[in-house]
C-alpha cells in the first residue's frame, strides 16, 4: 500500500503491533467521518447532492485501488476542514 498515490486516499504513516493489536498511524482529519458528521449535524440524513458528491469521490478512490490490483473491505469516508473527501487506504 506504500505505492498508492491518489488524492482521495488517506495514506498511513506507519503501522505496528502491540501484542495482538494492530495500530495504524494516519493523518488527523479534523472533521471526522461522514457517519459522525451525519449523526451529529444531520440527524435526518444528508441531502441528495451531498450524497452524490461523497459517492463520486469515494468511487474515484475505489476505481484507482482496483486498477492497482487492490481491494478494500472496510471503506471509511473521512473529511477534513478543507472539504476534501478521503477514503482510508
N, C-alpha and C. Protein backbone atom coordinates (compact mmCIF):
# COMPACT_ATOMS: atom_id res chain seq x y z
N UNK A 1 0.81 -1.20 0.00
CA UNK A 1 0.00 0.00 0.00
C UNK A 1 0.86 1.27 0.00
N UNK A 2 2.14 1.15 0.19
CA UNK A 2 3.00 2.33 0.23
C UNK A 2 3.14 3.00 -1.13
N UNK A 3 2.82 2.29 -2.22
CA UNK A 3 2.92 2.87 -3.55
C UNK A 3 1.61 3.51 -4.02
N UNK A 4 0.60 3.46 -3.19
CA UNK A 4 -0.70 4.05 -3.52
C UNK A 4 -0.56 5.57 -3.51
N UNK A 5 -1.05 6.21 -4.58
CA UNK A 5 -0.96 7.66 -4.65
C UNK A 5 -2.20 8.21 -5.36
N UNK A 6 -3.18 8.63 -4.58
CA UNK A 6 -4.41 9.20 -5.13
C UNK A 6 -4.91 10.25 -4.15
N UNK A 7 -5.40 11.39 -4.64
CA UNK A 7 -5.82 12.46 -3.73
C UNK A 7 -6.99 12.10 -2.83
N UNK A 8 -7.75 11.07 -3.16
CA UNK A 8 -8.89 10.69 -2.33
C UNK A 8 -8.60 9.53 -1.38
N UNK A 9 -7.34 9.14 -1.29
CA UNK A 9 -6.97 8.06 -0.39
C UNK A 9 -6.13 8.59 0.76
N UNK A 10 -6.50 8.22 1.96
CA UNK A 10 -5.77 8.61 3.15
C UNK A 10 -4.70 7.56 3.42
N UNK A 11 -3.45 7.96 3.33
CA UNK A 11 -2.34 7.02 3.49
C UNK A 11 -1.91 6.94 4.94
N UNK A 12 -1.47 5.77 5.32
CA UNK A 12 -0.95 5.56 6.66
C UNK A 12 0.51 6.00 6.72
N UNK A 13 0.90 6.63 7.84
CA UNK A 13 2.30 6.97 8.05
C UNK A 13 3.10 5.71 8.36
N UNK A 14 2.53 4.89 9.23
CA UNK A 14 3.19 3.64 9.60
C UNK A 14 2.18 2.77 10.34
N UNK A 15 2.56 1.54 10.61
CA UNK A 15 1.72 0.65 11.41
C UNK A 15 2.65 -0.22 12.26
N UNK A 16 2.10 -0.69 13.36
CA UNK A 16 2.87 -1.56 14.25
C UNK A 16 1.92 -2.40 15.08
N UNK A 17 2.44 -3.45 15.66
CA UNK A 17 1.63 -4.28 16.53
C UNK A 17 2.09 -4.11 17.96
N UNK A 18 1.14 -4.27 18.85
CA UNK A 18 1.40 -4.26 20.28
C UNK A 18 0.63 -5.45 20.83
N UNK A 19 1.34 -6.53 21.03
CA UNK A 19 0.66 -7.77 21.42
C UNK A 19 -0.18 -8.26 20.24
N UNK A 20 -1.47 -8.42 20.46
CA UNK A 20 -2.38 -8.86 19.41
C UNK A 20 -3.11 -7.69 18.75
N UNK A 21 -2.71 -6.47 19.05
CA UNK A 21 -3.38 -5.29 18.48
C UNK A 21 -2.55 -4.70 17.35
N UNK A 22 -3.23 -4.31 16.28
CA UNK A 22 -2.60 -3.61 15.17
C UNK A 22 -2.93 -2.13 15.28
N UNK A 23 -1.92 -1.28 15.27
CA UNK A 23 -2.08 0.16 15.32
C UNK A 23 -1.64 0.75 13.98
N UNK A 24 -2.45 1.64 13.43
CA UNK A 24 -2.13 2.30 12.17
C UNK A 24 -2.13 3.81 12.43
N UNK A 25 -1.04 4.47 12.09
CA UNK A 25 -0.89 5.91 12.30
C UNK A 25 -1.22 6.62 10.99
N UNK A 26 -2.25 7.49 11.05
CA UNK A 26 -2.74 8.19 9.86
C UNK A 26 -2.83 9.69 10.14
N UNK A 27 -2.89 10.50 9.08
CA UNK A 27 -3.06 11.94 9.29
C UNK A 27 -4.36 12.24 10.02
N UNK A 28 -4.37 13.31 10.78
CA UNK A 28 -5.56 13.75 11.50
C UNK A 28 -6.51 14.43 10.52
N UNK A 29 -7.75 13.98 10.49
CA UNK A 29 -8.77 14.60 9.65
C UNK A 29 -9.80 15.22 10.60
N UNK A 30 -9.69 16.51 10.79
CA UNK A 30 -10.41 17.22 11.86
C UNK A 30 -11.93 17.12 11.78
N UNK A 31 -12.49 17.03 10.60
CA UNK A 31 -13.95 17.00 10.50
C UNK A 31 -14.50 15.63 10.90
N UNK A 32 -13.70 14.60 10.80
CA UNK A 32 -14.14 13.27 11.20
C UNK A 32 -14.77 12.48 10.07
N UNK A 33 -15.43 11.41 10.43
CA UNK A 33 -16.04 10.54 9.43
C UNK A 33 -17.37 11.12 8.96
N UNK A 34 -17.77 10.71 7.77
CA UNK A 34 -19.06 11.15 7.24
C UNK A 34 -20.19 10.66 8.15
N UNK A 35 -20.04 9.47 8.70
CA UNK A 35 -21.06 8.94 9.62
C UNK A 35 -21.18 9.82 10.86
N UNK A 36 -20.05 10.21 11.44
CA UNK A 36 -20.07 11.06 12.64
C UNK A 36 -20.74 12.41 12.33
N UNK A 37 -20.37 13.01 11.21
CA UNK A 37 -20.96 14.30 10.83
C UNK A 37 -22.46 14.17 10.63
N UNK A 38 -22.87 13.09 9.96
CA UNK A 38 -24.30 12.90 9.72
C UNK A 38 -25.05 12.72 11.04
N UNK A 39 -24.52 11.91 11.94
CA UNK A 39 -25.20 11.66 13.21
C UNK A 39 -25.29 12.90 14.09
N UNK A 40 -24.24 13.73 14.07
CA UNK A 40 -24.23 14.89 14.97
C UNK A 40 -24.88 16.13 14.37
N UNK A 41 -24.80 16.30 13.05
CA UNK A 41 -25.28 17.55 12.45
C UNK A 41 -26.45 17.38 11.48
N UNK A 42 -26.67 16.18 10.99
CA UNK A 42 -27.73 15.93 10.01
C UNK A 42 -28.52 14.69 10.42
N UNK A 43 -29.27 14.75 11.52
CA UNK A 43 -29.95 13.55 12.02
C UNK A 43 -30.96 12.96 11.04
N UNK A 44 -31.44 13.77 10.10
CA UNK A 44 -32.37 13.26 9.08
C UNK A 44 -31.65 12.77 7.84
N UNK A 45 -30.32 12.80 7.87
CA UNK A 45 -29.51 12.34 6.74
C UNK A 45 -29.05 13.48 5.87
N UNK A 46 -28.07 13.19 5.01
CA UNK A 46 -27.56 14.19 4.08
C UNK A 46 -28.55 14.41 2.95
N UNK A 47 -28.49 15.59 2.36
CA UNK A 47 -29.29 15.86 1.17
C UNK A 47 -28.66 15.14 -0.01
N UNK A 48 -29.46 14.93 -1.05
CA UNK A 48 -29.01 14.14 -2.20
C UNK A 48 -27.74 14.68 -2.87
N UNK A 49 -27.57 16.00 -3.06
CA UNK A 49 -26.32 16.47 -3.67
C UNK A 49 -25.07 16.14 -2.83
N UNK A 50 -25.21 16.15 -1.51
CA UNK A 50 -24.08 15.79 -0.64
C UNK A 50 -23.75 14.31 -0.80
N UNK A 51 -24.78 13.48 -0.82
CA UNK A 51 -24.57 12.04 -1.00
C UNK A 51 -23.91 11.77 -2.35
N UNK A 52 -24.38 12.45 -3.39
CA UNK A 52 -23.80 12.26 -4.73
C UNK A 52 -22.33 12.65 -4.75
N UNK A 53 -21.98 13.74 -4.10
CA UNK A 53 -20.58 14.18 -4.06
C UNK A 53 -19.72 13.19 -3.30
N UNK A 54 -20.19 12.74 -2.14
CA UNK A 54 -19.44 11.75 -1.36
C UNK A 54 -19.22 10.48 -2.17
N UNK A 55 -20.27 9.99 -2.79
CA UNK A 55 -20.15 8.75 -3.56
C UNK A 55 -19.21 8.91 -4.75
N UNK A 56 -19.29 10.04 -5.45
CA UNK A 56 -18.40 10.26 -6.60
C UNK A 56 -16.94 10.19 -6.17
N UNK A 57 -16.59 10.87 -5.07
CA UNK A 57 -15.20 10.90 -4.63
C UNK A 57 -14.74 9.55 -4.09
N UNK A 58 -15.61 8.84 -3.40
CA UNK A 58 -15.27 7.51 -2.90
C UNK A 58 -15.06 6.55 -4.06
N UNK A 59 -15.94 6.62 -5.06
CA UNK A 59 -15.81 5.73 -6.20
C UNK A 59 -14.54 6.01 -7.00
N UNK A 60 -14.13 7.27 -7.09
CA UNK A 60 -12.85 7.58 -7.74
C UNK A 60 -11.71 6.84 -7.04
N UNK A 61 -11.72 6.87 -5.71
CA UNK A 61 -10.67 6.20 -4.94
C UNK A 61 -10.73 4.69 -5.13
N UNK A 62 -11.92 4.12 -5.11
CA UNK A 62 -12.04 2.67 -5.27
C UNK A 62 -11.66 2.21 -6.68
N UNK A 63 -12.03 2.98 -7.70
CA UNK A 63 -11.61 2.65 -9.06
C UNK A 63 -10.09 2.64 -9.14
N UNK A 64 -9.45 3.64 -8.53
CA UNK A 64 -7.98 3.68 -8.52
C UNK A 64 -7.41 2.45 -7.82
N UNK A 65 -7.92 2.13 -6.63
CA UNK A 65 -7.41 0.97 -5.90
C UNK A 65 -7.55 -0.30 -6.74
N UNK A 66 -8.71 -0.50 -7.35
CA UNK A 66 -8.94 -1.70 -8.14
C UNK A 66 -8.03 -1.74 -9.36
N UNK A 67 -7.76 -0.58 -9.95
CA UNK A 67 -6.85 -0.55 -11.12
C UNK A 67 -5.42 -0.92 -10.73
N UNK A 68 -5.10 -0.75 -9.44
CA UNK A 68 -3.77 -1.11 -8.94
C UNK A 68 -3.73 -2.54 -8.38
N UNK A 69 -4.85 -3.26 -8.51
CA UNK A 69 -4.90 -4.64 -8.05
C UNK A 69 -5.20 -4.80 -6.58
N UNK A 70 -5.71 -3.74 -5.93
CA UNK A 70 -6.04 -3.80 -4.50
C UNK A 70 -7.54 -3.86 -4.32
N UNK A 71 -7.95 -4.48 -3.24
CA UNK A 71 -9.34 -4.44 -2.83
C UNK A 71 -9.38 -3.83 -1.43
N UNK A 72 -10.55 -3.36 -1.03
CA UNK A 72 -10.68 -2.76 0.29
C UNK A 72 -11.95 -3.30 0.92
N UNK A 73 -11.84 -3.86 2.11
CA UNK A 73 -13.00 -4.49 2.73
C UNK A 73 -13.69 -3.60 3.76
N UNK A 74 -13.10 -2.49 4.11
CA UNK A 74 -13.67 -1.64 5.16
C UNK A 74 -13.49 -0.18 4.75
N UNK A 75 -14.42 0.34 3.98
CA UNK A 75 -14.33 1.70 3.47
C UNK A 75 -14.86 2.67 4.52
N UNK A 76 -14.05 3.66 4.87
CA UNK A 76 -14.49 4.73 5.78
C UNK A 76 -14.27 6.05 5.07
N UNK A 77 -15.31 6.85 5.01
CA UNK A 77 -15.21 8.17 4.39
C UNK A 77 -14.84 9.17 5.47
N UNK A 78 -13.71 9.85 5.28
CA UNK A 78 -13.17 10.79 6.26
C UNK A 78 -13.10 12.17 5.61
N UNK A 79 -13.46 13.19 6.37
CA UNK A 79 -13.45 14.56 5.86
C UNK A 79 -12.51 15.42 6.68
N UNK A 80 -11.89 16.40 6.01
CA UNK A 80 -11.12 17.36 6.77
C UNK A 80 -11.80 18.73 6.68
N UNK A 81 -11.26 19.70 7.36
CA UNK A 81 -11.89 21.02 7.42
C UNK A 81 -11.80 21.78 6.10
N UNK A 82 -10.98 21.29 5.15
CA UNK A 82 -10.85 21.93 3.85
C UNK A 82 -11.77 21.26 2.82
N UNK A 83 -12.72 20.47 3.30
CA UNK A 83 -13.73 19.83 2.48
C UNK A 83 -13.18 18.78 1.53
N UNK A 84 -12.02 18.24 1.80
CA UNK A 84 -11.56 17.13 0.96
C UNK A 84 -12.13 15.84 1.50
N UNK A 85 -12.44 14.95 0.59
CA UNK A 85 -13.05 13.66 0.93
C UNK A 85 -12.01 12.59 0.70
N UNK A 86 -11.77 11.78 1.71
CA UNK A 86 -10.74 10.75 1.59
C UNK A 86 -11.31 9.41 2.06
N UNK A 87 -10.71 8.37 1.56
CA UNK A 87 -11.02 7.00 1.98
C UNK A 87 -9.78 6.47 2.65
N UNK A 88 -9.94 5.81 3.79
CA UNK A 88 -8.80 5.18 4.45
C UNK A 88 -8.28 4.08 3.55
N UNK A 89 -6.98 4.07 3.30
CA UNK A 89 -6.40 3.04 2.41
C UNK A 89 -5.43 2.18 3.16
